[in-house]
Amino acid sequence: MADSDTENDLVIATSASRILVRIKPDGTLLYGPEYTPDEAAEVLWQALARRRADAAVKEVLYAQMEHALTTVGRADLANEAAQAAATEQGGMGKAGSQAVLGAHQALRKLEAAVHAVIELGRGLAERAVEPELAQKKHLPSSQN
């Protein structure tokens, strides 16, 4: 591999793969044909803006996933406690009936939380579908 073609270089290039500037790890600048500082700056700032936008989307997605998973975890803990209380009460008398009702309510909350996680996963899966296939199936694509 030639020194001017190392993988550690930062390359600023157009969408047509025309290299404008290659920045070597030691700070050396190699200019491409038809290089202009304004074009190189514009291409660099557009790339940074795209990365910032991608990072913001991932941050929101991470927060949604964390919320959904902690909701499932809390609902599962509450369900476990309610099931134990219902078993302890044995379903007898007013206290037993209330424990059984509490167990059913806890289970419904757990099922709703699990459903929310499934829907989040479906949304992610639909985003990953190829754009042409998404149009055929009327699914949202990752490019919309």
Protein backbone atom coordinates (compact mmCIF):
# COMPACT_ATOMS: atom_id res chain seq x y z
CA MET A 1 0.00 0.00 0.00
CA ALA A 2 1.41 3.36 -1.00
CA ASP A 3 2.01 5.97 1.68
CA SER A 4 -0.48 8.36 0.03
CA ASP A 5 -3.22 5.73 0.29
CA THR A 6 -3.23 4.75 3.98
CA GLU A 7 -6.40 3.88 5.87
CA ASN A 8 -5.54 6.34 8.67
CA ASP A 9 -5.87 9.36 6.39
CA LEU A 10 -8.85 11.68 6.67
CA VAL A 11 -10.25 12.08 3.18
CA ILE A 12 -12.56 14.89 2.14
CA ALA A 13 -14.23 13.89 -1.10
CA THR A 14 -17.34 14.78 -3.08
CA SER A 15 -20.29 12.42 -3.48
CA ALA A 16 -18.85 11.59 -6.89
CA SER A 17 -15.72 10.27 -5.07
CA ARG A 18 -13.56 13.13 -6.29
CA ILE A 19 -10.88 13.57 -3.61
CA LEU A 20 -10.49 17.20 -2.59
CA VAL A 21 -8.08 16.87 0.35
CA ARG A 22 -6.29 14.01 2.07
CA ILE A 23 -5.08 14.77 5.59
CA LYS A 24 -2.28 12.50 6.77
CA PRO A 25 -1.93 11.51 10.45
CA ASP A 26 1.12 13.77 10.72
CA GLY A 27 -0.93 16.78 9.52
CA THR A 28 0.38 16.82 5.96
CA LEU A 29 -2.23 17.98 3.44
CA LEU A 30 -2.43 16.47 -0.03
CA TYR A 31 -4.72 18.37 -2.39
CA GLY A 32 -6.70 16.67 -5.12
CA PRO A 33 -7.18 17.95 -8.65
CA GLU A 34 -9.49 20.96 -8.91
CA TYR A 35 -9.26 21.53 -5.15
CA THR A 36 -10.87 24.68 -3.80
CA PRO A 37 -10.88 25.55 -0.08
CA ASP A 38 -14.55 26.58 -0.17
CA GLU A 39 -15.72 23.30 -1.69
CA ALA A 40 -13.61 21.25 0.74
CA ALA A 41 -14.99 23.21 3.71
CA GLU A 42 -18.57 22.80 2.50
CA VAL A 43 -18.16 19.02 2.01
CA LEU A 44 -16.54 18.66 5.45
CA TRP A 45 -19.26 20.65 7.26
CA GLN A 46 -22.04 18.76 5.47
CA ALA A 47 -20.50 15.45 6.55
CA LEU A 48 -20.19 16.67 10.14
CA ALA A 49 -23.81 17.87 10.13
CA ARG A 50 -25.00 14.44 8.90
CA ARG A 51 -23.03 12.70 11.64
CA ARG A 52 -24.42 15.06 14.28
CA ALA A 53 -27.97 14.40 13.04
CA ASP A 54 -27.35 10.63 13.06
CA ALA A 55 -26.00 10.85 16.61
CA ALA A 56 -29.05 12.84 17.74
CA VAL A 57 -31.41 10.22 16.26
CA LYS A 58 -29.46 7.44 17.97
CA GLU A 59 -29.59 9.32 21.29
CA VAL A 60 -33.39 9.61 21.08
CA LEU A 61 -33.69 5.95 20.08
CA TYR A 62 -31.47 4.89 22.97
CA ALA A 63 -33.63 6.88 25.40
CA GLN A 64 -36.78 5.24 24.00
CA MET A 65 -35.26 1.78 24.28
CA GLU A 66 -34.04 2.43 27.83
CA HIS A 67 -37.49 3.69 28.85
CA ALA A 68 -39.27 0.72 27.24
CA LEU A 69 -36.95 -1.84 28.80
CA THR A 70 -37.01 -0.32 32.29
CA THR A 71 -40.81 -0.16 32.05
CA VAL A 72 -40.87 -3.88 31.26
CA GLY A 73 -38.45 -4.58 34.10
CA ARG A 74 -40.54 -2.64 36.63
CA ALA A 75 -43.76 -4.25 35.38
CA ASP A 76 -42.19 -7.69 35.67
CA LEU A 77 -41.06 -7.01 39.24
CA ALA A 78 -44.54 -5.74 40.16
CA ASN A 79 -46.13 -8.75 38.47
CA GLU A 80 -43.86 -11.12 40.35
CA ALA A 81 -44.76 -9.48 43.68
CA ALA A 82 -48.48 -9.49 42.86
CA GLN A 83 -48.40 -13.15 41.82
CA ALA A 84 -46.60 -14.04 45.05
CA ALA A 85 -49.17 -12.10 47.10
CA ALA A 86 -52.04 -13.84 45.29
CA THR A 87 -50.47 -17.24 45.91
CA GLU A 88 -49.88 -16.37 49.56
CA GLN A 89 -53.50 -15.29 50.04
CA GLY A 90 -54.73 -18.42 48.30
CA GLY A 91 -57.60 -16.57 46.63
CA MET A 92 -59.71 -16.88 49.75
CA GLY A 93 -61.82 -14.10 51.26
CA LYS A 94 -61.72 -10.39 50.47
CA ALA A 95 -57.93 -10.12 50.83
CA GLY A 96 -57.46 -13.11 48.52
CA SER A 97 -59.82 -11.65 45.93
CA GLN A 98 -57.99 -8.33 46.03
CA ALA A 99 -54.64 -10.09 45.68
CA VAL A 100 -55.90 -12.04 42.65
CA LEU A 101 -57.29 -8.85 41.11
CA GLY A 102 -53.96 -7.12 41.76
CA ALA A 103 -52.14 -10.01 40.11
CA HIS A 104 -54.36 -9.75 37.01
CA GLN A 105 -53.81 -5.98 36.82
CA ALA A 106 -50.04 -6.41 37.20
CA LEU A 107 -50.03 -9.02 34.44
CA ARG A 108 -51.99 -6.70 32.10
CA LYS A 109 -49.48 -3.90 32.76
CA LEU A 110 -46.61 -6.28 32.03
CA GLU A 111 -48.26 -7.40 28.79
CA ALA A 112 -48.77 -3.76 27.74
CA ALA A 113 -45.11 -2.96 28.48
CA VAL A 114 -43.94 -6.00 26.51
CA HIS A 115 -46.20 -4.99 23.63
CA ALA A 116 -44.60 -1.51 23.62
CA VAL A 117 -41.15 -3.12 23.33
CA ILE A 118 -42.39 -5.31 20.47
CA GLU A 119 -43.77 -2.26 18.65
CA LEU A 120 -40.45 -0.45 19.09
CA GLY A 121 -38.68 -3.48 17.64
CA ARG A 122 -41.12 -3.65 14.72
CA GLY A 123 -40.48 0.00 13.98
CA LEU A 124 -36.74 -0.62 13.91
CA ALA A 125 -37.22 -3.68 11.69
CA GLU A 126 -39.40 -1.71 9.26
CA ARG A 127 -36.77 1.06 9.06
CA ALA A 128 -34.21 -1.56 8.01
CA VAL A 129 -36.31 -2.78 5.07
CA GLU A 130 -34.92 -1.94 1.63
CA PRO A 131 -36.61 1.22 0.21
CA GLU A 132 -38.03 -0.60 -2.84
CA LEU A 133 -39.46 -3.36 -0.66
CA ALA A 134 -40.84 -0.79 1.78
CA GLN A 135 -42.73 0.90 -1.06
CA LYS A 136 -44.15 -2.43 -2.24
CA LYS A 137 -45.31 -3.31 1.27
CA HIS A 138 -46.26 0.31 2.12
CA LEU A 139 -43.82 0.26 5.03
CA PRO A 140 -41.77 3.25 6.15
CA SER A 141 -38.22 3.05 4.90
CA SER A 142 -35.05 4.25 6.55
CA GLN A 143 -34.69 6.93 3.86
CA ASN A 144 -38.06 8.63 4.50
